[in-house]
Amino acid sequence: MKPAVMIGTEDRIMNRWAHFAKKYSFLPLIGGGSTKIQPVYVVDVASAIVAALKDDGSSMGNVYELGGPEIYTVHELAELMYETVREWPRYVNVPLPVAKAIAMPREVLLKKVPFPLPNPDIFNLDQIHAFATDTVVSENALTFMDLGIVPHKLKGYPVEYLIQYRKGGPQFGSTVSEKVNPDSYP
């Protein structure tokens, strides 16, 4: 299984962005936010693993590229985060070479000092390299559909956990789960 960027309660992308945006009131977009990614809900990845374990062995030895149903640019994903936390989006476009220059002193120190250094939320070299290239599912790859799973769209419940970053607290405003009509269930 090769999952794309996973989104969920303890993810390492939307949570970091929301925390950074609340703390510093802006979000740096590395490379202008034009990199394409295909984020996937972590519950869908877990379902795919269970489906592969339960099948008749046909999935053994195969590589499944697990991406969500929609392709976003980093900028569009940041817009979704800002929309969920109900903040005005404020960005600082950081060119890729500048982002690498900001992260490089830490990387050099990692090799020199005998103790671990804190990992920054945004400007770490691994994340900068990840945002340097598009990460989308290949056209002829095995996907969720080959396992009989329909992945969730990202808007709505999969990103509802971000309401904890709302000004005024999570109870401020309505959430997706409050908009569901309980009478529609049998």
N, C-alpha and C. Protein backbone atom coordinates (compact mmCIF):
# COMPACT_ATOMS: atom_id res chain seq x y z
N MET A 1 0.84 -1.18 0.00
CA MET A 1 0.00 0.00 0.00
C MET A 1 0.89 1.25 0.00
N LYS A 2 0.58 2.16 -0.90
CA LYS A 2 1.28 3.44 -0.95
C LYS A 2 0.24 4.54 -0.78
N PRO A 3 -0.06 4.91 0.47
CA PRO A 3 -1.05 5.98 0.65
C PRO A 3 -0.46 7.34 0.33
N ALA A 4 -1.32 8.22 -0.14
CA ALA A 4 -0.93 9.61 -0.37
C ALA A 4 -0.87 10.30 1.00
N VAL A 5 -0.80 11.60 1.01
CA VAL A 5 -0.82 12.35 2.26
C VAL A 5 -2.11 12.01 2.99
N MET A 6 -1.99 11.52 4.22
CA MET A 6 -3.17 11.10 4.96
C MET A 6 -3.70 12.24 5.82
N ILE A 7 -5.02 12.38 5.79
CA ILE A 7 -5.71 13.41 6.55
C ILE A 7 -6.54 12.72 7.62
N GLY A 8 -6.46 13.21 8.85
CA GLY A 8 -7.23 12.64 9.94
C GLY A 8 -6.93 13.38 11.23
N THR A 9 -7.46 12.89 12.32
CA THR A 9 -7.39 13.59 13.60
C THR A 9 -5.97 13.98 14.01
N GLU A 10 -5.00 13.12 13.79
CA GLU A 10 -3.63 13.42 14.20
C GLU A 10 -2.69 13.53 13.00
N ASP A 11 -3.19 14.08 11.90
CA ASP A 11 -2.35 14.15 10.70
C ASP A 11 -1.19 15.13 10.88
N ARG A 12 -0.28 15.08 9.92
CA ARG A 12 0.91 15.92 10.02
C ARG A 12 0.92 17.04 9.00
N ILE A 13 -0.24 17.36 8.45
CA ILE A 13 -0.27 18.44 7.48
C ILE A 13 -1.30 19.49 7.90
N MET A 14 -2.56 19.13 7.94
CA MET A 14 -3.61 20.11 8.26
C MET A 14 -3.50 20.58 9.71
N ASN A 15 -3.20 19.69 10.64
CA ASN A 15 -3.02 20.09 12.04
C ASN A 15 -1.87 21.06 12.18
N ARG A 16 -0.75 20.76 11.54
CA ARG A 16 0.41 21.65 11.62
C ARG A 16 0.09 23.01 11.02
N TRP A 17 -0.60 22.99 9.88
CA TRP A 17 -0.95 24.26 9.25
C TRP A 17 -1.87 25.08 10.14
N ALA A 18 -2.91 24.44 10.69
CA ALA A 18 -3.87 25.16 11.52
C ALA A 18 -3.19 25.70 12.77
N HIS A 19 -2.34 24.91 13.38
CA HIS A 19 -1.62 25.36 14.57
C HIS A 19 -0.70 26.53 14.23
N PHE A 20 0.02 26.42 13.12
CA PHE A 20 0.92 27.49 12.70
C PHE A 20 0.13 28.76 12.39
N ALA A 21 -0.98 28.61 11.67
CA ALA A 21 -1.80 29.77 11.29
C ALA A 21 -2.40 30.46 12.51
N LYS A 22 -2.79 29.69 13.52
CA LYS A 22 -3.34 30.29 14.73
C LYS A 22 -2.24 30.98 15.54
N LYS A 23 -1.07 30.39 15.56
CA LYS A 23 0.03 30.92 16.36
C LYS A 23 0.64 32.18 15.74
N TYR A 24 0.82 32.17 14.41
CA TYR A 24 1.51 33.27 13.75
C TYR A 24 0.61 34.10 12.84
N SER A 25 -0.64 33.73 12.70
CA SER A 25 -1.67 34.42 11.91
C SER A 25 -1.40 34.46 10.40
N PHE A 26 -0.53 33.60 9.91
CA PHE A 26 -0.32 33.45 8.47
C PHE A 26 0.17 32.04 8.22
N LEU A 27 0.18 31.64 6.96
CA LEU A 27 0.68 30.32 6.58
C LEU A 27 1.64 30.47 5.42
N PRO A 28 2.89 30.02 5.57
CA PRO A 28 3.81 30.08 4.43
C PRO A 28 3.48 28.99 3.41
N LEU A 29 3.35 29.38 2.16
CA LEU A 29 3.11 28.42 1.08
C LEU A 29 4.41 28.21 0.32
N ILE A 30 4.98 27.04 0.48
CA ILE A 30 6.26 26.73 -0.15
C ILE A 30 6.04 26.52 -1.64
N GLY A 31 6.81 27.23 -2.44
CA GLY A 31 6.68 27.14 -3.89
C GLY A 31 5.39 27.76 -4.40
N GLY A 32 4.80 28.65 -3.63
CA GLY A 32 3.57 29.32 -4.06
C GLY A 32 2.32 28.47 -3.90
N GLY A 33 2.44 27.26 -3.37
CA GLY A 33 1.27 26.41 -3.15
C GLY A 33 0.72 25.77 -4.40
N SER A 34 1.52 25.67 -5.44
CA SER A 34 1.03 25.12 -6.71
C SER A 34 1.22 23.61 -6.85
N THR A 35 1.89 22.99 -5.90
CA THR A 35 2.11 21.54 -5.96
C THR A 35 0.79 20.81 -5.81
N LYS A 36 0.58 19.79 -6.64
CA LYS A 36 -0.66 19.01 -6.60
C LYS A 36 -0.48 17.81 -5.68
N ILE A 37 -1.46 17.62 -4.80
CA ILE A 37 -1.47 16.44 -3.94
C ILE A 37 -2.87 15.85 -3.94
N GLN A 38 -2.96 14.59 -3.62
CA GLN A 38 -4.23 13.87 -3.62
C GLN A 38 -4.44 13.26 -2.23
N PRO A 39 -4.81 14.11 -1.24
CA PRO A 39 -4.91 13.63 0.13
C PRO A 39 -6.01 12.59 0.30
N VAL A 40 -5.79 11.70 1.25
CA VAL A 40 -6.71 10.60 1.48
C VAL A 40 -7.06 10.56 2.97
N TYR A 41 -8.31 10.24 3.26
CA TYR A 41 -8.78 10.13 4.64
C TYR A 41 -8.18 8.86 5.25
N VAL A 42 -7.62 8.95 6.43
CA VAL A 42 -6.91 7.84 7.06
C VAL A 42 -7.81 6.63 7.28
N VAL A 43 -9.09 6.84 7.51
CA VAL A 43 -10.03 5.73 7.70
C VAL A 43 -10.17 4.92 6.41
N ASP A 44 -10.10 5.59 5.27
CA ASP A 44 -10.16 4.87 3.99
C ASP A 44 -8.93 3.99 3.79
N VAL A 45 -7.78 4.47 4.21
CA VAL A 45 -6.56 3.67 4.11
C VAL A 45 -6.67 2.44 5.01
N ALA A 46 -7.19 2.63 6.21
CA ALA A 46 -7.39 1.49 7.12
C ALA A 46 -8.36 0.49 6.51
N SER A 47 -9.42 0.98 5.88
CA SER A 47 -10.39 0.08 5.22
C SER A 47 -9.74 -0.70 4.09
N ALA A 48 -8.84 -0.05 3.35
CA ALA A 48 -8.14 -0.72 2.25
C ALA A 48 -7.23 -1.82 2.78
N ILE A 49 -6.56 -1.57 3.89
CA ILE A 49 -5.69 -2.59 4.48
C ILE A 49 -6.52 -3.79 4.93
N VAL A 50 -7.65 -3.53 5.58
CA VAL A 50 -8.52 -4.61 6.03
C VAL A 50 -9.07 -5.39 4.83
N ALA A 51 -9.47 -4.68 3.78
CA ALA A 51 -10.00 -5.35 2.58
C ALA A 51 -8.93 -6.23 1.93
N ALA A 52 -7.70 -5.76 1.91
CA ALA A 52 -6.61 -6.55 1.32
C ALA A 52 -6.31 -7.79 2.16
N LEU A 53 -6.44 -7.67 3.47
CA LEU A 53 -6.21 -8.82 4.34
C LEU A 53 -7.33 -9.85 4.25
N LYS A 54 -8.54 -9.39 3.98
CA LYS A 54 -9.70 -10.28 3.95
C LYS A 54 -9.95 -10.92 2.59
N ASP A 55 -9.31 -10.45 1.54
CA ASP A 55 -9.62 -11.00 0.21
C ASP A 55 -9.03 -12.41 0.06
N ASP A 56 -9.25 -12.99 -1.09
CA ASP A 56 -8.84 -14.38 -1.34
C ASP A 56 -7.35 -14.53 -1.68
N GLY A 57 -6.58 -13.51 -1.45
CA GLY A 57 -5.15 -13.56 -1.76
C GLY A 57 -4.80 -12.88 -3.07
N SER A 58 -5.80 -12.34 -3.76
CA SER A 58 -5.53 -11.70 -5.05
C SER A 58 -4.76 -10.40 -4.91
N SER A 59 -4.77 -9.80 -3.73
CA SER A 59 -4.06 -8.54 -3.55
C SER A 59 -2.60 -8.74 -3.13
N MET A 60 -2.22 -9.97 -2.84
CA MET A 60 -0.84 -10.23 -2.40
C MET A 60 0.16 -9.89 -3.50
N GLY A 61 1.20 -9.18 -3.12
CA GLY A 61 2.25 -8.83 -4.06
C GLY A 61 1.93 -7.63 -4.93
N ASN A 62 0.74 -7.07 -4.81
CA ASN A 62 0.35 -5.91 -5.61
C ASN A 62 0.59 -4.63 -4.82
N VAL A 63 0.88 -3.56 -5.53
CA VAL A 63 1.05 -2.25 -4.92
C VAL A 63 -0.18 -1.42 -5.25
N TYR A 64 -0.85 -0.95 -4.22
CA TYR A 64 -2.03 -0.11 -4.39
C TYR A 64 -1.65 1.32 -4.05
N GLU A 65 -1.92 2.23 -4.97
CA GLU A 65 -1.69 3.65 -4.71
C GLU A 65 -3.00 4.22 -4.22
N LEU A 66 -3.01 4.63 -2.97
CA LEU A 66 -4.25 5.07 -2.33
C LEU A 66 -4.28 6.59 -2.23
N GLY A 67 -5.10 7.20 -3.05
CA GLY A 67 -5.29 8.64 -3.03
C GLY A 67 -6.76 8.95 -2.94
N GLY A 68 -7.09 10.11 -2.43
CA GLY A 68 -8.48 10.51 -2.31
C GLY A 68 -9.12 10.74 -3.67
N PRO A 69 -10.43 11.00 -3.69
CA PRO A 69 -11.12 11.18 -4.96
C PRO A 69 -10.83 12.52 -5.65
N GLU A 70 -10.24 13.47 -4.92
CA GLU A 70 -10.01 14.80 -5.49
C GLU A 70 -8.53 15.17 -5.42
N ILE A 71 -8.09 15.90 -6.43
CA ILE A 71 -6.72 16.40 -6.45
C ILE A 71 -6.77 17.88 -6.08
N TYR A 72 -5.95 18.26 -5.12
CA TYR A 72 -5.88 19.65 -4.65
C TYR A 72 -4.49 20.19 -4.91
N THR A 73 -4.40 21.51 -5.05
CA THR A 73 -3.10 22.14 -4.93
C THR A 73 -2.90 22.40 -3.44
N VAL A 74 -1.68 22.64 -3.04
CA VAL A 74 -1.42 22.92 -1.63
C VAL A 74 -2.20 24.17 -1.21
N HIS A 75 -2.30 25.14 -2.12
CA HIS A 75 -3.05 26.36 -1.82
C HIS A 75 -4.53 26.04 -1.59
N GLU A 76 -5.13 25.20 -2.42
CA GLU A 76 -6.54 24.83 -2.25
C GLU A 76 -6.77 24.08 -0.94
N LEU A 77 -5.84 23.23 -0.57
CA LEU A 77 -5.96 22.50 0.69
C LEU A 77 -5.84 23.46 1.88
N ALA A 78 -4.97 24.45 1.75
CA ALA A 78 -4.86 25.47 2.80
C ALA A 78 -6.15 26.29 2.88
N GLU A 79 -6.77 26.57 1.74
CA GLU A 79 -8.06 27.28 1.73
C GLU A 79 -9.12 26.47 2.48
N LEU A 80 -9.13 25.15 2.27
CA LEU A 80 -10.07 24.27 2.98
C LEU A 80 -9.82 24.32 4.49
N MET A 81 -8.57 24.35 4.88
CA MET A 81 -8.24 24.45 6.30
C MET A 81 -8.74 25.76 6.88
N TYR A 82 -8.47 26.86 6.18
CA TYR A 82 -8.93 28.17 6.66
C TYR A 82 -10.46 28.24 6.70
N GLU A 83 -11.12 27.65 5.73
CA GLU A 83 -12.58 27.63 5.71
C GLU A 83 -13.13 26.86 6.91
N THR A 84 -12.50 25.76 7.27
CA THR A 84 -12.95 24.94 8.38
C THR A 84 -12.73 25.64 9.72
N VAL A 85 -11.61 26.32 9.88
CA VAL A 85 -11.35 27.02 11.14
C VAL A 85 -11.95 28.42 11.17
N ARG A 86 -12.57 28.81 10.07
CA ARG A 86 -13.26 30.09 9.94
C ARG A 86 -12.36 31.28 10.25
N GLU A 87 -11.25 31.30 9.56
CA GLU A 87 -10.29 32.41 9.65
C GLU A 87 -10.09 32.99 8.26
N TRP A 88 -9.68 34.26 8.21
CA TRP A 88 -9.34 34.86 6.92
C TRP A 88 -8.00 34.29 6.48
N PRO A 89 -7.93 33.79 5.25
CA PRO A 89 -6.65 33.23 4.80
C PRO A 89 -5.59 34.31 4.59
N ARG A 90 -4.44 34.07 5.18
CA ARG A 90 -3.29 34.97 5.02
C ARG A 90 -2.08 34.09 4.70
N TYR A 91 -1.48 34.36 3.56
CA TYR A 91 -0.38 33.53 3.08
C TYR A 91 0.87 34.37 2.87
N VAL A 92 2.00 33.70 2.97
CA VAL A 92 3.27 34.26 2.55
C VAL A 92 3.86 33.25 1.57
N ASN A 93 3.99 33.65 0.33
CA ASN A 93 4.57 32.75 -0.67
C ASN A 93 6.08 32.69 -0.48
N VAL A 94 6.58 31.48 -0.27
CA VAL A 94 8.01 31.26 -0.04
C VAL A 94 8.55 30.45 -1.20
N PRO A 95 9.43 31.03 -2.02
CA PRO A 95 10.02 30.26 -3.12
C PRO A 95 10.79 29.05 -2.57
N LEU A 96 10.84 28.00 -3.36
CA LEU A 96 11.49 26.76 -2.94
C LEU A 96 12.94 26.95 -2.49
N PRO A 97 13.77 27.69 -3.24
CA PRO A 97 15.16 27.88 -2.79
C PRO A 97 15.25 28.61 -1.45
N VAL A 98 14.35 29.56 -1.21
CA VAL A 98 14.36 30.29 0.06
C VAL A 98 13.96 29.35 1.20
N ALA A 99 12.95 28.51 0.97
CA ALA A 99 12.53 27.55 1.99
C ALA A 99 13.66 26.58 2.33
N LYS A 100 14.39 26.13 1.32
CA LYS A 100 15.53 25.23 1.57
C LYS A 100 16.62 25.95 2.36
N ALA A 101 16.85 27.22 2.04
CA ALA A 101 17.86 28.00 2.77
C ALA A 101 17.47 28.19 4.23
N ILE A 102 16.18 28.34 4.50
CA ILE A 102 15.72 28.48 5.88
C ILE A 102 15.91 27.17 6.65
N ALA A 103 15.68 26.04 5.99
CA ALA A 103 15.76 24.74 6.65
C ALA A 103 17.18 24.20 6.76
N MET A 104 18.08 24.67 5.94
CA MET A 104 19.42 24.08 5.87
C MET A 104 20.24 24.19 7.16
N PRO A 105 20.24 25.30 7.89
CA PRO A 105 21.05 25.34 9.12
C PRO A 105 20.69 24.22 10.11
N ARG A 106 19.43 23.92 10.24
CA ARG A 106 19.02 22.83 11.13
C ARG A 106 19.56 21.50 10.64
N GLU A 107 19.50 21.27 9.34
CA GLU A 107 19.99 20.01 8.78
C GLU A 107 21.49 19.86 8.99
N VAL A 108 22.24 20.95 8.88
CA VAL A 108 23.68 20.90 9.11
C VAL A 108 23.96 20.61 10.59
N LEU A 109 23.20 21.26 11.48
CA LEU A 109 23.39 21.05 12.91
C LEU A 109 23.03 19.63 13.33
N LEU A 110 22.07 19.01 12.66
CA LEU A 110 21.69 17.64 13.00
C LEU A 110 22.87 16.69 12.91
N LYS A 111 23.76 16.95 11.97
CA LYS A 111 24.93 16.08 11.78
C LYS A 111 26.07 16.43 12.74
N LYS A 112 26.02 17.61 13.33
CA LYS A 112 27.13 18.08 14.16
C LYS A 112 26.91 17.86 15.66
N VAL A 113 25.67 17.99 16.13
CA VAL A 113 25.42 17.92 17.58
C VAL A 113 25.02 16.51 17.99
N PRO A 114 25.39 16.10 19.21
CA PRO A 114 25.09 14.73 19.64
C PRO A 114 23.70 14.55 20.26
N PHE A 115 22.84 15.52 20.13
CA PHE A 115 21.50 15.41 20.71
C PHE A 115 20.46 15.82 19.66
N PRO A 116 19.23 15.36 19.81
CA PRO A 116 18.20 15.69 18.82
C PRO A 116 17.78 17.15 18.90
N LEU A 117 17.45 17.70 17.75
CA LEU A 117 16.96 19.07 17.68
C LEU A 117 15.46 19.04 17.44
N PRO A 118 14.75 20.06 17.92
CA PRO A 118 13.30 20.08 17.67
C PRO A 118 13.00 20.15 16.18
N ASN A 119 11.91 19.54 15.79
CA ASN A 119 11.51 19.51 14.39
C ASN A 119 10.51 20.63 14.14
N PRO A 120 10.84 21.60 13.30
CA PRO A 120 9.91 22.70 13.06
C PRO A 120 8.65 22.24 12.33
N ASP A 121 7.56 22.94 12.59
CA ASP A 121 6.27 22.58 11.99
C ASP A 121 6.28 22.68 10.47
N ILE A 122 6.81 23.73 9.94
CA ILE A 122 6.68 24.01 8.52
C ILE A 122 8.01 23.84 7.78
N PHE A 123 9.05 24.47 8.25
CA PHE A 123 10.30 24.50 7.49
C PHE A 123 11.24 23.36 7.87
N ASN A 124 10.84 22.13 7.57
CA ASN A 124 11.80 21.04 7.68
C ASN A 124 12.03 20.51 6.27
N LEU A 125 13.23 20.03 6.04
CA LEU A 125 13.66 19.68 4.68
C LEU A 125 12.82 18.57 4.06
N ASP A 126 12.37 17.61 4.88
CA ASP A 126 11.54 16.53 4.35
C ASP A 126 10.23 17.07 3.78
N GLN A 127 9.60 17.97 4.51
CA GLN A 127 8.34 18.53 4.04
C GLN A 127 8.56 19.43 2.82
N ILE A 128 9.65 20.14 2.80
CA ILE A 128 9.96 21.00 1.65
C ILE A 128 10.14 20.15 0.40
N HIS A 129 10.86 19.03 0.52
CA HIS A 129 11.04 18.13 -0.63
C HIS A 129 9.71 17.52 -1.05
N ALA A 130 8.84 17.21 -0.08
CA ALA A 130 7.53 16.64 -0.41
C ALA A 130 6.68 17.63 -1.19
N PHE A 131 6.80 18.92 -0.87
CA PHE A 131 6.02 19.93 -1.58
C PHE A 131 6.68 20.40 -2.86
N ALA A 132 7.83 19.85 -3.19
CA ALA A 132 8.53 20.24 -4.42
C ALA A 132 8.01 19.49 -5.64
N THR A 133 7.40 18.32 -5.43
CA THR A 133 6.90 17.52 -6.56
C THR A 133 5.45 17.13 -6.32
N ASP A 134 4.72 16.98 -7.42
CA ASP A 134 3.32 16.55 -7.34
C ASP A 134 3.26 15.11 -6.85
N THR A 135 2.30 14.83 -5.97
CA THR A 135 2.09 13.45 -5.51
C THR A 135 0.64 13.07 -5.76
N VAL A 136 0.40 12.51 -6.93
CA VAL A 136 -0.94 12.05 -7.30
C VAL A 136 -0.84 10.59 -7.74
N VAL A 137 -1.97 9.91 -7.71
CA VAL A 137 -2.02 8.50 -8.09
C VAL A 137 -1.78 8.36 -9.59
N SER A 138 -0.97 7.38 -9.98
CA SER A 138 -0.69 7.12 -11.39
C SER A 138 -1.96 6.65 -12.10
N GLU A 139 -2.01 6.86 -13.41
CA GLU A 139 -3.21 6.51 -14.18
C GLU A 139 -3.51 5.02 -14.17
N ASN A 140 -2.51 4.17 -14.33
CA ASN A 140 -2.78 2.73 -14.42
C ASN A 140 -2.41 2.00 -13.13
N ALA A 141 -2.43 2.68 -12.00
CA ALA A 141 -2.13 2.04 -10.72
C ALA A 141 -3.37 1.36 -10.16
N LEU A 142 -3.14 0.38 -9.31
CA LEU A 142 -4.24 -0.23 -8.56
C LEU A 142 -4.65 0.75 -7.46
N THR A 143 -5.96 0.94 -7.28
CA THR A 143 -6.45 1.95 -6.36
C THR A 143 -7.51 1.37 -5.42
N PHE A 144 -8.20 2.27 -4.73
CA PHE A 144 -9.30 1.87 -3.86
C PHE A 144 -10.36 1.07 -4.62
N MET A 145 -10.63 1.49 -5.84
CA MET A 145 -11.68 0.83 -6.63
C MET A 145 -11.38 -0.65 -6.84
N ASP A 146 -10.11 -0.99 -6.97
CA ASP A 146 -9.73 -2.39 -7.14
C ASP A 146 -9.94 -3.21 -5.87
N LEU A 147 -10.07 -2.53 -4.75
CA LEU A 147 -10.36 -3.20 -3.48
C LEU A 147 -11.84 -3.10 -3.11
N GLY A 148 -12.62 -2.45 -3.96
CA GLY A 148 -14.06 -2.30 -3.71
C GLY A 148 -14.39 -1.24 -2.68
N ILE A 149 -13.57 -0.22 -2.59
CA ILE A 149 -13.77 0.85 -1.60
C ILE A 149 -13.94 2.18 -2.33
N VAL A 150 -14.91 2.96 -1.88
CA VAL A 150 -15.12 4.31 -2.41
C VAL A 150 -14.58 5.28 -1.35
N PRO A 151 -13.50 5.99 -1.65
CA PRO A 151 -12.93 6.90 -0.64
C PRO A 151 -13.81 8.12 -0.40
N HIS A 152 -13.73 8.65 0.81
CA HIS A 152 -14.49 9.84 1.20
C HIS A 152 -13.90 11.08 0.54
N LYS A 153 -14.78 12.03 0.24
CA LYS A 153 -14.30 13.35 -0.17
C LYS A 153 -13.76 14.04 1.08
N LEU A 154 -12.85 14.94 0.89
CA LEU A 154 -12.18 15.55 2.03
C LEU A 154 -13.04 16.58 2.75
N LYS A 155 -13.87 17.30 2.02
CA LYS A 155 -14.71 18.30 2.67
C LYS A 155 -15.73 17.61 3.55
N GLY A 156 -16.00 18.21 4.70
CA GLY A 156 -16.99 17.63 5.60
C GLY A 156 -16.34 16.90 6.76
N TYR A 157 -16.85 15.74 7.06
CA TYR A 157 -16.42 15.01 8.25
C TYR A 157 -14.92 14.74 8.33
N PRO A 158 -14.23 14.34 7.25
CA PRO A 158 -12.80 14.05 7.38
C PRO A 158 -11.94 15.21 7.90
N VAL A 159 -12.38 16.45 7.74
CA VAL A 159 -11.59 17.58 8.25
C VAL A 159 -12.30 18.30 9.40
N GLU A 160 -13.36 17.71 9.91
CA GLU A 160 -14.12 18.35 10.98
C GLU A 160 -13.30 18.50 12.26
N TYR A 161 -12.30 17.68 12.44
CA TYR A 161 -11.46 17.77 13.64
C TYR A 161 -10.76 19.12 13.75
N LEU A 162 -10.66 19.86 12.64
CA LEU A 162 -9.98 21.16 12.66
C LEU A 162 -10.78 22.23 13.39
N ILE A 163 -12.04 21.93 13.75
CA ILE A 163 -12.84 22.94 14.46
C ILE A 163 -12.23 23.29 15.81
N GLN A 164 -11.34 22.45 16.33
CA GLN A 164 -10.68 22.77 17.61
C GLN A 164 -9.83 24.03 17.50
N TYR A 165 -9.48 24.44 16.29
CA TYR A 165 -8.66 25.63 16.09
C TYR A 165 -9.49 26.89 15.85
N ARG A 166 -10.81 26.77 15.93
CA ARG A 166 -11.65 27.95 15.71
C ARG A 166 -11.51 28.95 16.85
N LYS A 167 -11.58 30.21 16.47
CA LYS A 167 -11.60 31.27 17.48
C LYS A 167 -12.93 31.16 18.21
N GLY A 168 -12.90 31.12 19.50
CA GLY A 168 -14.12 30.93 20.27
C GLY A 168 -14.35 29.48 20.63
N GLY A 169 -13.48 28.59 20.17
CA GLY A 169 -13.57 27.18 20.52
C GLY A 169 -14.35 26.36 19.53
N PRO A 170 -14.34 25.05 19.72
CA PRO A 170 -14.98 24.16 18.76
C PRO A 170 -16.50 24.29 18.71
N GLN A 171 -17.10 24.78 19.79
CA GLN A 171 -18.55 24.90 19.79
C GLN A 171 -19.04 26.12 19.00
N PHE A 172 -18.11 26.93 18.50
CA PHE A 172 -18.47 28.14 17.77
C PHE A 172 -18.95 27.79 16.37
N GLY A 173 -20.24 27.95 16.12
CA GLY A 173 -20.78 27.70 14.78
C GLY A 173 -21.20 26.26 14.59
N SER A 174 -21.83 26.02 13.47
CA SER A 174 -22.33 24.67 13.20
C SER A 174 -21.24 23.81 12.57
N THR A 175 -21.38 22.51 12.75
CA THR A 175 -20.46 21.56 12.14
C THR A 175 -21.22 20.70 11.17
N VAL A 176 -20.51 19.89 10.42
CA VAL A 176 -21.15 19.03 9.44
C VAL A 176 -22.11 18.07 10.11
N SER A 177 -21.71 17.50 11.25
CA SER A 177 -22.57 16.51 11.91
C SER A 177 -23.86 17.13 12.43
N GLU A 178 -23.87 18.44 12.71
CA GLU A 178 -25.09 19.09 13.16
C GLU A 178 -26.07 19.31 12.01
N LYS A 179 -25.57 19.29 10.77
CA LYS A 179 -26.42 19.55 9.62
C LYS A 179 -27.11 18.29 9.10
N VAL A 180 -26.73 17.13 9.63
CA VAL A 180 -27.34 15.87 9.19
C VAL A 180 -28.70 15.73 9.85
N ASN A 181 -29.70 15.44 9.04
CA ASN A 181 -31.05 15.27 9.56
C ASN A 181 -31.21 13.84 10.07
N PRO A 182 -31.43 13.65 11.39
CA PRO A 182 -31.53 12.29 11.92
C PRO A 182 -32.78 11.55 11.42
N ASP A 183 -33.78 12.28 10.93
CA ASP A 183 -35.00 11.63 10.43
C ASP A 183 -34.75 10.90 9.11
N SER A 184 -33.63 11.20 8.45
CA SER A 184 -33.36 10.56 7.16
C SER A 184 -32.83 9.14 7.32
N TYR A 185 -32.45 8.77 8.55
CA TYR A 185 -31.95 7.42 8.79
C TYR A 185 -33.13 6.48 9.06
N PRO A 186 -33.05 5.22 8.61
CA PRO A 186 -34.15 4.29 8.84
C PRO A 186 -34.28 3.88 10.29
